[in-house]
Amino acid sequence: MRLYDAHNHLQDERFGGQAELLAAAASAQGVVRMVVNGSCEADWPQVRALAQRFPQVQPSFGYHPWYLQERSSTWQATLARYLEETPGAVLGEAGLDRWKPGLSYDGQEEVFLWQLGLAAERGTAITIHCLQAWGRLYDLLRAGPRPEGGFLLHSFGGPREMVAPLAKLGAYFSLPGYFAHERKTRQREAFRHVPPDRLLIESDAPDQLPPDAWITHPLPEAGGTRPINHPANLAAIYRFAAELYAEPVERLAVRVEENFLRLFARRSQ
């Protein structure tokens, strides 16, 4: 099977610089492409370097709402340049967050809308983070502009009633292994309503660790003992998804591949 990770952070410092080992382990499990998401100006160079080293890495550059206070006065020009100069680059992780304690909402919409507009202008997919702001996100997306080829709602945690309206606007939805935890009943139910041609699978490594039963590659945080998510767990997440949809994993993998390539088609820059 050919597996596609719609969202991870291979550049994260918690991996302790083990990108080569992690990528090799993921490849051994059948992972042929992974979208590696930058979150701020500080990690965009690392994401680009990973894309230059590993052919399976598709680079993605964006400003995550958690790091907006770090942006420089030239962040927009810098982001546009990374997208322009990096082959196959897409946009993200960007979005809205009203969940994180102590995080100001001021400026989030302005930064998100600028990135959304850039994605629409370039015809580039954008990966969107959203926590406790689904109604507002829907209103902003509906007002547009949006990329014609669609956008990804990574780890979609909104209500199932919003799946169809968001899909109509062009949304794809990526399922993480974290939703295999028993308490995530509502999220699993929402994913049962995702149109078959809009489903993607993600590891979100090193975050969103699946339940123990779905961890095939245990990994401690660099310099510590706290467990983190290995990108090679993606194969087990595919099996979780196949169980959720009651279909053979091989057939699910073919469908996810078609969806991934449709959204994240490599574009010459």
C-alpha atoms as a PDB file:
ATOM      1  CA  MET A   1       0.000   0.000   0.000  1.00  0.00           C
ATOM      2  CA  ARG A   2       1.032   3.583  -0.668  1.00  0.00           C
ATOM      3  CA  LEU A   3       0.328   5.719   2.398  1.00  0.00           C
ATOM      4  CA  TYR A   4       0.025   9.508   2.631  1.00  0.00           C
ATOM      5  CA  ASP A   5       0.443  11.571   5.791  1.00  0.00           C
ATOM      6  CA  ALA A   6      -1.645  14.705   5.328  1.00  0.00           C
ATOM      7  CA  HIS A   7      -0.157  16.488   8.343  1.00  0.00           C
ATOM      8  CA  ASN A   8       2.892  16.213  10.566  1.00  0.00           C
ATOM      9  CA  HIS A   9       5.731  18.286  12.042  1.00  0.00           C
ATOM     10  CA  LEU A  10       8.882  16.317  11.238  1.00  0.00           C
ATOM     11  CA  GLN A  11      10.957  19.410  12.057  1.00  0.00           C
ATOM     12  CA  ASP A  12       9.786  19.485  15.682  1.00  0.00           C
ATOM     13  CA  GLU A  13      12.619  19.741  18.217  1.00  0.00           C
ATOM     14  CA  ARG A  14      11.062  16.967  20.307  1.00  0.00           C
ATOM     15  CA  PHE A  15      12.329  14.527  17.675  1.00  0.00           C
ATOM     16  CA  GLY A  16      15.884  15.471  18.598  1.00  0.00           C
ATOM     17  CA  GLY A  17      17.188  15.724  15.053  1.00  0.00           C
ATOM     18  CA  GLN A  18      16.272  12.131  14.151  1.00  0.00           C
ATOM     19  CA  ALA A  19      14.508  13.051  10.912  1.00  0.00           C
ATOM     20  CA  GLU A  20      16.509  10.593   8.813  1.00  0.00           C
ATOM     21  CA  LEU A  21      15.640   7.636  11.058  1.00  0.00           C
ATOM     22  CA  LEU A  22      12.006   8.702  11.339  1.00  0.00           C
ATOM     23  CA  ALA A  23      11.592   9.169   7.596  1.00  0.00           C
ATOM     24  CA  ALA A  24      13.229   5.814   6.893  1.00  0.00           C
ATOM     25  CA  ALA A  25      10.948   4.039   9.363  1.00  0.00           C
ATOM     26  CA  ALA A  26       7.894   5.702   7.831  1.00  0.00           C
ATOM     27  CA  SER A  27       9.011   4.720   4.330  1.00  0.00           C
ATOM     28  CA  ALA A  28       9.437   1.121   5.486  1.00  0.00           C
ATOM     29  CA  GLN A  29       5.766   1.201   6.525  1.00  0.00           C
ATOM     30  CA  GLY A  30       4.709   2.391   3.059  1.00  0.00           C
ATOM     31  CA  VAL A  31       4.576   6.156   3.614  1.00  0.00           C
ATOM     32  CA  VAL A  32       5.374   7.729   0.231  1.00  0.00           C
ATOM     33  CA  ARG A  33       4.429  11.344   0.965  1.00  0.00           C
ATOM     34  CA  MET A  34       4.093  13.455   4.092  1.00  0.00           C
ATOM     35  CA  VAL A  35       3.043  17.082   4.334  1.00  0.00           C
ATOM     36  CA  VAL A  36       5.411  18.670   6.858  1.00  0.00           C
ATOM     37  CA  ASN A  37       3.880  21.823   8.287  1.00  0.00           C
ATOM     38  CA  GLY A  38       5.813  24.851   9.413  1.00  0.00           C
ATOM     39  CA  SER A  39       4.229  26.985  12.123  1.00  0.00           C
ATOM     40  CA  CYS A  40       6.238  30.224  12.154  1.00  0.00           C
ATOM     41  CA  GLU A  41       9.193  31.999  10.580  1.00  0.00           C
ATOM     42  CA  ALA A  42      11.615  30.215  12.914  1.00  0.00           C
ATOM     43  CA  ASP A  43      10.880  26.732  11.576  1.00  0.00           C
ATOM     44  CA  TRP A  44      10.254  27.463   7.881  1.00  0.00           C
ATOM     45  CA  PRO A  45      13.973  26.994   7.036  1.00  0.00           C
ATOM     46  CA  GLN A  46      13.928  23.589   8.751  1.00  0.00           C
ATOM     47  CA  VAL A  47      10.890  22.492   6.762  1.00  0.00           C
ATOM     48  CA  ARG A  48      12.525  23.557   3.503  1.00  0.00           C
ATOM     49  CA  ALA A  49      15.723  21.708   4.442  1.00  0.00           C
ATOM     50  CA  LEU A  50      13.756  18.524   5.112  1.00  0.00           C
ATOM     51  CA  ALA A  51      12.086  18.791   1.707  1.00  0.00           C
ATOM     52  CA  GLN A  52      15.505  19.120   0.090  1.00  0.00           C
ATOM     53  CA  ARG A  53      16.793  16.036   1.928  1.00  0.00           C
ATOM     54  CA  PHE A  54      13.814  13.701   1.675  1.00  0.00           C
ATOM     55  CA  PRO A  55      11.782  13.252  -1.524  1.00  0.00           C
ATOM     56  CA  GLN A  56       8.705  12.092   0.425  1.00  0.00           C
ATOM     57  CA  VAL A  57       8.464  15.435   2.259  1.00  0.00           C
ATOM     58  CA  GLN A  58       6.017  17.957   0.821  1.00  0.00           C
ATOM     59  CA  PRO A  59       6.804  21.298   2.497  1.00  0.00           C
ATOM     60  CA  SER A  60       4.092  23.520   3.912  1.00  0.00           C
ATOM     61  CA  PHE A  61       4.668  27.013   5.300  1.00  0.00           C
ATOM     62  CA  GLY A  62       2.256  28.990   7.427  1.00  0.00           C
ATOM     63  CA  TYR A  63       1.697  30.989  10.591  1.00  0.00           C
ATOM     64  CA  HIS A  64      -0.044  28.954  13.290  1.00  0.00           C
ATOM     65  CA  PRO A  65      -2.258  31.019  15.636  1.00  0.00           C
ATOM     66  CA  TRP A  66      -0.203  29.903  18.649  1.00  0.00           C
ATOM     67  CA  TYR A  67       2.877  31.768  17.368  1.00  0.00           C
ATOM     68  CA  LEU A  68       1.479  35.013  16.006  1.00  0.00           C
ATOM     69  CA  GLN A  69       3.225  37.086  18.657  1.00  0.00           C
ATOM     70  CA  GLU A  70       6.552  36.005  17.125  1.00  0.00           C
ATOM     71  CA  ARG A  71       5.917  37.321  13.621  1.00  0.00           C
ATOM     72  CA  SER A  72       8.236  39.955  12.213  1.00  0.00           C
ATOM     73  CA  SER A  73       7.276  43.036  10.237  1.00  0.00           C
ATOM     74  CA  THR A  74       8.258  41.212   7.049  1.00  0.00           C
ATOM     75  CA  TRP A  75       6.505  37.889   7.706  1.00  0.00           C
ATOM     76  CA  GLN A  76       4.159  38.221   4.734  1.00  0.00           C
ATOM     77  CA  ALA A  77       6.930  38.815   2.227  1.00  0.00           C
ATOM     78  CA  THR A  78       8.962  36.004   3.767  1.00  0.00           C
ATOM     79  CA  LEU A  79       6.077  33.552   3.588  1.00  0.00           C
ATOM     80  CA  ALA A  80       5.339  34.480  -0.024  1.00  0.00           C
ATOM     81  CA  ARG A  81       9.006  33.980  -0.896  1.00  0.00           C
ATOM     82  CA  TYR A  82       9.141  30.513   0.707  1.00  0.00           C
ATOM     83  CA  LEU A  83       6.094  29.464  -1.295  1.00  0.00           C
ATOM     84  CA  GLU A  84       7.527  30.906  -4.492  1.00  0.00           C
ATOM     85  CA  GLU A  85      11.018  29.464  -4.139  1.00  0.00           C
ATOM     86  CA  THR A  86      10.286  25.999  -2.705  1.00  0.00           C
ATOM     87  CA  PRO A  87       9.180  23.349  -5.223  1.00  0.00           C
ATOM     88  CA  GLY A  88       5.878  21.686  -4.354  1.00  0.00           C
ATOM     89  CA  ALA A  89       5.203  24.004  -1.402  1.00  0.00           C
ATOM     90  CA  VAL A  90       1.702  24.448  -0.015  1.00  0.00           C
ATOM     91  CA  LEU A  91       0.399  26.730   2.713  1.00  0.00           C
ATOM     92  CA  GLY A  92      -0.216  26.022   6.373  1.00  0.00           C
ATOM     93  CA  GLU A  93      -0.576  25.499   9.189  1.00  0.00           C
ATOM     94  CA  ALA A  94      -2.823  28.501   9.644  1.00  0.00           C
ATOM     95  CA  GLY A  95      -6.114  29.005  11.425  1.00  0.00           C
ATOM     96  CA  LEU A  96      -8.154  30.111  14.414  1.00  0.00           C
ATOM     97  CA  ASP A  97      -7.946  29.037  18.055  1.00  0.00           C
ATOM     98  CA  ARG A  98     -10.241  29.957  20.935  1.00  0.00           C
ATOM     99  CA  TRP A  99      -9.273  26.898  22.991  1.00  0.00           C
ATOM    100  CA  LYS A 100      -5.664  27.408  24.118  1.00  0.00           C
ATOM    101  CA  PRO A 101      -5.575  28.982  27.598  1.00  0.00           C
ATOM    102  CA  GLY A 102      -4.057  32.458  27.650  1.00  0.00           C
ATOM    103  CA  LEU A 103      -3.951  32.774  23.859  1.00  0.00           C
ATOM    104  CA  SER A 104      -5.240  36.104  22.581  1.00  0.00           C
ATOM    105  CA  TYR A 105      -7.703  36.005  19.699  1.00  0.00           C
ATOM    106  CA  ASP A 106      -6.642  39.501  18.630  1.00  0.00           C
ATOM    107  CA  GLY A 107      -5.119  39.440  15.167  1.00  0.00           C
ATOM    108  CA  GLN A 108      -5.903  35.804  14.467  1.00  0.00           C
ATOM    109  CA  GLU A 109      -8.547  36.497  11.846  1.00  0.00           C
ATOM    110  CA  GLU A 110      -6.431  39.106  10.082  1.00  0.00           C
ATOM    111  CA  VAL A 111      -3.437  36.744   9.798  1.00  0.00           C
ATOM    112  CA  PHE A 112      -5.576  33.788   8.788  1.00  0.00           C
ATOM    113  CA  LEU A 113      -7.443  35.711   6.110  1.00  0.00           C
ATOM    114  CA  TRP A 114      -4.228  37.021   4.607  1.00  0.00           C
ATOM    115  CA  GLN A 115      -2.894  33.471   4.331  1.00  0.00           C
ATOM    116  CA  LEU A 116      -6.182  32.193   2.938  1.00  0.00           C
ATOM    117  CA  GLY A 117      -6.110  34.940   0.320  1.00  0.00           C
ATOM    118  CA  LEU A 118      -2.533  34.066  -0.609  1.00  0.00           C
ATOM    119  CA  ALA A 119      -3.502  30.415  -1.059  1.00  0.00           C
ATOM    120  CA  ALA A 120      -6.425  31.433  -3.260  1.00  0.00           C
ATOM    121  CA  GLU A 121      -4.222  33.766  -5.309  1.00  0.00           C
ATOM    122  CA  ARG A 122      -1.611  31.055  -5.880  1.00  0.00           C
ATOM    123  CA  GLY A 123      -4.085  28.200  -6.341  1.00  0.00           C
ATOM    124  CA  THR A 124      -2.342  26.405  -3.479  1.00  0.00           C
ATOM    125  CA  ALA A 125      -3.870  24.107  -0.887  1.00  0.00           C
ATOM    126  CA  ILE A 126      -3.956  25.437   2.670  1.00  0.00           C
ATOM    127  CA  THR A 127      -4.026  23.398   5.885  1.00  0.00           C
ATOM    128  CA  ILE A 128      -6.281  24.881   8.559  1.00  0.00           C
ATOM    129  CA  HIS A 129      -6.134  24.504  12.337  1.00  0.00           C
ATOM    130  CA  CYS A 130      -9.362  25.258  14.170  1.00  0.00           C
ATOM    131  CA  LEU A 131     -10.311  24.852  17.817  1.00  0.00           C
ATOM    132  CA  GLN A 132     -13.581  26.145  19.273  1.00  0.00           C
ATOM    133  CA  ALA A 133     -14.077  28.591  16.395  1.00  0.00           C
ATOM    134  CA  TRP A 134     -15.945  26.492  13.840  1.00  0.00           C
ATOM    135  CA  GLY A 135     -18.861  28.821  13.291  1.00  0.00           C
ATOM    136  CA  ARG A 136     -16.602  31.808  12.723  1.00  0.00           C
ATOM    137  CA  LEU A 137     -14.285  29.793  10.479  1.00  0.00           C
ATOM    138  CA  TYR A 138     -17.243  28.733   8.357  1.00  0.00           C
ATOM    139  CA  ASP A 139     -18.388  32.338   7.977  1.00  0.00           C
ATOM    140  CA  LEU A 140     -14.913  33.469   6.909  1.00  0.00           C
ATOM    141  CA  LEU A 141     -14.504  30.605   4.454  1.00  0.00           C
ATOM    142  CA  ARG A 142     -17.931  31.199   2.967  1.00  0.00           C
ATOM    143  CA  ALA A 143     -17.118  34.881   2.432  1.00  0.00           C
ATOM    144  CA  GLY A 144     -13.960  33.823   0.585  1.00  0.00           C
ATOM    145  CA  PRO A 145     -11.730  33.933  -1.291  1.00  0.00           C
ATOM    146  CA  ARG A 146     -10.757  30.255  -1.101  1.00  0.00           C
ATOM    147  CA  PRO A 147      -8.354  28.129  -3.165  1.00  0.00           C
ATOM    148  CA  GLU A 148     -10.268  26.531  -6.020  1.00  0.00           C
ATOM    149  CA  GLY A 149      -8.675  23.139  -5.393  1.00  0.00           C
ATOM    150  CA  GLY A 150      -9.839  22.990  -1.793  1.00  0.00           C
ATOM    151  CA  PHE A 151      -8.400  23.211   1.704  1.00  0.00           C
ATOM    152  CA  LEU A 152      -7.645  20.798   4.532  1.00  0.00           C
ATOM    153  CA  LEU A 153      -9.258  20.878   7.982  1.00  0.00           C
ATOM    154  CA  HIS A 154      -6.636  18.904   9.858  1.00  0.00           C
ATOM    155  CA  SER A 155      -7.861  16.783  12.778  1.00  0.00           C
ATOM    156  CA  PHE A 156     -11.391  18.018  12.149  1.00  0.00           C
ATOM    157  CA  GLY A 157     -13.118  18.312  15.517  1.00  0.00           C
ATOM    158  CA  GLY A 158     -16.217  20.246  14.570  1.00  0.00           C
ATOM    159  CA  PRO A 159     -19.802  19.020  14.788  1.00  0.00           C
ATOM    160  CA  ARG A 160     -21.027  16.491  12.253  1.00  0.00           C
ATOM    161  CA  GLU A 161     -23.682  18.948  11.110  1.00  0.00           C
ATOM    162  CA  MET A 162     -20.915  21.160   9.693  1.00  0.00           C
ATOM    163  CA  VAL A 163     -19.285  18.459   7.568  1.00  0.00           C
ATOM    164  CA  ALA A 164     -21.599  18.828   4.565  1.00  0.00           C
ATOM    165  CA  PRO A 165     -21.577  22.671   4.507  1.00  0.00           C
ATOM    166  CA  LEU A 166     -17.792  22.752   4.820  1.00  0.00           C
ATOM    167  CA  ALA A 167     -17.359  20.092   2.147  1.00  0.00           C
ATOM    168  CA  LYS A 168     -19.511  22.206  -0.159  1.00  0.00           C
ATOM    169  CA  LEU A 169     -17.007  25.042   0.297  1.00  0.00           C
ATOM    170  CA  GLY A 170     -14.134  22.726  -0.694  1.00  0.00           C
ATOM    171  CA  ALA A 171     -13.039  21.167   2.602  1.00  0.00           C
ATOM    172  CA  TYR A 172     -11.072  17.959   2.982  1.00  0.00           C
ATOM    173  CA  PHE A 173     -10.927  16.353   6.446  1.00  0.00           C
ATOM    174  CA  SER A 174      -7.915  14.485   7.895  1.00  0.00           C
ATOM    175  CA  LEU A 175      -8.406  11.811  10.535  1.00  0.00           C
ATOM    176  CA  PRO A 176      -5.734  11.440  13.273  1.00  0.00           C
ATOM    177  CA  GLY A 177      -5.020   8.324  15.286  1.00  0.00           C
ATOM    178  CA  TYR A 178      -5.817  10.330  18.414  1.00  0.00           C
ATOM    179  CA  PHE A 179      -9.494   9.940  17.585  1.00  0.00           C
ATOM    180  CA  ALA A 180      -9.168   6.191  18.241  1.00  0.00           C
ATOM    181  CA  HIS A 181      -9.237   6.990  21.962  1.00  0.00           C
ATOM    182  CA  GLU A 182     -12.500   5.754  23.408  1.00  0.00           C
ATOM    183  CA  ARG A 183     -13.571   9.194  24.647  1.00  0.00           C
ATOM    184  CA  LYS A 184     -13.483  10.626  21.097  1.00  0.00           C
ATOM    185  CA  THR A 185     -16.896   9.252  20.185  1.00  0.00           C
ATOM    186  CA  ARG A 186     -18.220  12.573  18.861  1.00  0.00           C
ATOM    187  CA  GLN A 187     -15.245  13.089  16.572  1.00  0.00           C
ATOM    188  CA  ARG A 188     -15.504   9.570  15.147  1.00  0.00           C
ATOM    189  CA  GLU A 189     -19.194  10.096  14.479  1.00  0.00           C
ATOM    190  CA  ALA A 190     -18.427  13.324  12.604  1.00  0.00           C
ATOM    191  CA  PHE A 191     -15.904  11.490  10.415  1.00  0.00           C
ATOM    192  CA  ARG A 192     -18.511   8.902   9.489  1.00  0.00           C
ATOM    193  CA  HIS A 193     -20.270  11.764   7.689  1.00  0.00           C
ATOM    194  CA  VAL A 194     -17.215  12.875   5.691  1.00  0.00           C
ATOM    195  CA  PRO A 195     -17.757  12.349   1.936  1.00  0.00           C
ATOM    196  CA  PRO A 196     -15.586   9.487   0.656  1.00  0.00           C
ATOM    197  CA  ASP A 197     -13.775  11.784  -1.785  1.00  0.00           C
ATOM    198  CA  ARG A 198     -12.771  14.231   0.983  1.00  0.00           C
ATOM    199  CA  LEU A 199     -11.137  11.899   3.513  1.00  0.00           C
ATOM    200  CA  LEU A 200      -7.428  12.080   4.345  1.00  0.00           C
ATOM    201  CA  ILE A 201      -5.321  10.452   7.073  1.00  0.00           C
ATOM    202  CA  GLU A 202      -2.731  12.170   9.269  1.00  0.00           C
ATOM    203  CA  SER A 203      -0.274  11.327  12.023  1.00  0.00           C
ATOM    204  CA  ASP A 204       0.214  14.889  13.359  1.00  0.00           C
ATOM    205  CA  ALA A 205       3.510  13.525  14.712  1.00  0.00           C
ATOM    206  CA  PRO A 206       4.905  14.222  17.246  1.00  0.00           C
ATOM    207  CA  ASP A 207       1.468  15.188  18.620  1.00  0.00           C
ATOM    208  CA  GLN A 208      -1.854  13.348  18.968  1.00  0.00           C
ATOM    209  CA  LEU A 209      -0.482  10.027  20.155  1.00  0.00           C
ATOM    210  CA  PRO A 210      -2.908   7.177  19.359  1.00  0.00           C
ATOM    211  CA  PRO A 211      -4.060   4.705  22.021  1.00  0.00           C
ATOM    212  CA  ASP A 212      -1.503   2.051  22.956  1.00  0.00           C
ATOM    213  CA  ALA A 213      -3.247  -0.562  20.815  1.00  0.00           C
ATOM    214  CA  TRP A 214      -2.527   1.488  17.692  1.00  0.00           C
ATOM    215  CA  ILE A 215       1.101   2.396  18.463  1.00  0.00           C
ATOM    216  CA  THR A 216       3.511   0.314  16.401  1.00  0.00           C
ATOM    217  CA  HIS A 217       6.517   2.602  16.844  1.00  0.00           C
ATOM    218  CA  PRO A 218       6.934   3.762  20.465  1.00  0.00           C
ATOM    219  CA  LEU A 219       9.104   6.857  20.749  1.00  0.00           C
ATOM    220  CA  PRO A 220      10.187   8.962  23.759  1.00  0.00           C
ATOM    221  CA  GLU A 221      10.669  12.682  23.517  1.00  0.00           C
ATOM    222  CA  ALA A 222      14.305  13.637  22.898  1.00  0.00           C
ATOM    223  CA  GLY A 223      16.103  13.989  26.212  1.00  0.00           C
ATOM    224  CA  GLY A 224      13.174  12.628  28.210  1.00  0.00           C
ATOM    225  CA  THR A 225      10.781   9.758  28.742  1.00  0.00           C
ATOM    226  CA  ARG A 226       7.472  11.331  27.700  1.00  0.00           C
ATOM    227  CA  PRO A 227       6.029   9.397  24.752  1.00  0.00           C
ATOM    228  CA  ILE A 228       5.482  11.214  21.455  1.00  0.00           C
ATOM    229  CA  ASN A 229       3.945  10.177  18.176  1.00  0.00           C
ATOM    230  CA  HIS A 230       6.190   8.541  15.561  1.00  0.00           C
ATOM    231  CA  PRO A 231       5.254   9.276  11.915  1.00  0.00           C
ATOM    232  CA  ALA A 232       5.567   5.566  11.142  1.00  0.00           C
ATOM    233  CA  ASN A 233       2.435   4.983  13.252  1.00  0.00           C
ATOM    234  CA  LEU A 234       0.557   6.179  10.162  1.00  0.00           C
ATOM    235  CA  ALA A 235       0.101   2.616   8.898  1.00  0.00           C
ATOM    236  CA  ALA A 236      -1.742   1.699  12.091  1.00  0.00           C
ATOM    237  CA  ILE A 237      -3.851   4.863  11.765  1.00  0.00           C
ATOM    238  CA  TYR A 238      -4.891   3.675   8.309  1.00  0.00           C
ATOM    239  CA  ARG A 239      -6.022   0.398   9.898  1.00  0.00           C
ATOM    240  CA  PHE A 240      -7.980   2.334  12.509  1.00  0.00           C
ATOM    241  CA  ALA A 241      -9.662   4.295   9.708  1.00  0.00           C
ATOM    242  CA  ALA A 242     -10.473   1.111   7.806  1.00  0.00           C
ATOM    243  CA  GLU A 243     -12.076  -0.295  10.948  1.00  0.00           C
ATOM    244  CA  LEU A 244     -14.065   2.915  11.426  1.00  0.00           C
ATOM    245  CA  TYR A 245     -15.427   2.743   7.874  1.00  0.00           C
ATOM    246  CA  ALA A 246     -15.762  -1.060   7.826  1.00  0.00           C
ATOM    247  CA  GLU A 247     -13.837  -1.481   4.591  1.00  0.00           C
ATOM    248  CA  PRO A 248     -10.604  -3.242   3.593  1.00  0.00           C
ATOM    249  CA  VAL A 249      -7.579  -1.103   4.366  1.00  0.00           C
ATOM    250  CA  GLU A 250      -6.233  -1.683   0.846  1.00  0.00           C
ATOM    251  CA  ARG A 251      -9.329  -0.141  -0.711  1.00  0.00           C
ATOM    252  CA  LEU A 252      -9.293   2.748   1.760  1.00  0.00           C
ATOM    253  CA  ALA A 253      -5.630   3.423   0.909  1.00  0.00           C
ATOM    254  CA  VAL A 254      -6.416   3.734  -2.797  1.00  0.00           C
ATOM    255  CA  ARG A 255      -9.187   6.229  -2.085  1.00  0.00           C
ATOM    256  CA  VAL A 256      -7.049   8.283   0.288  1.00  0.00           C
ATOM    257  CA  GLU A 257      -4.245   8.370  -2.282  1.00  0.00           C
ATOM    258  CA  GLU A 258      -6.625   9.780  -4.898  1.00  0.00           C
ATOM    259  CA  ASN A 259      -7.888  12.396  -2.454  1.00  0.00           C
ATOM    260  CA  PHE A 260      -4.407  13.395  -1.317  1.00  0.00           C
ATOM    261  CA  LEU A 261      -3.055  13.796  -4.826  1.00  0.00           C
ATOM    262  CA  ARG A 262      -6.095  15.805  -5.856  1.00  0.00           C
ATOM    263  CA  LEU A 263      -5.632  18.301  -3.007  1.00  0.00           C
ATOM    264  CA  PHE A 264      -1.852  18.378  -2.695  1.00  0.00           C
ATOM    265  CA  ALA A 265      -0.860  18.059  -6.340  1.00  0.00           C
ATOM    266  CA  ARG A 266       2.717  19.162  -6.774  1.00  0.00           C
ATOM    267  CA  ARG A 267       2.868  22.395  -8.717  1.00  0.00           C
ATOM    268  CA  SER A 268       5.892  23.733 -10.499  1.00  0.00           C
ATOM    269  CA  GLN A 269       6.939  27.018  -8.959  1.00  0.00           C
END
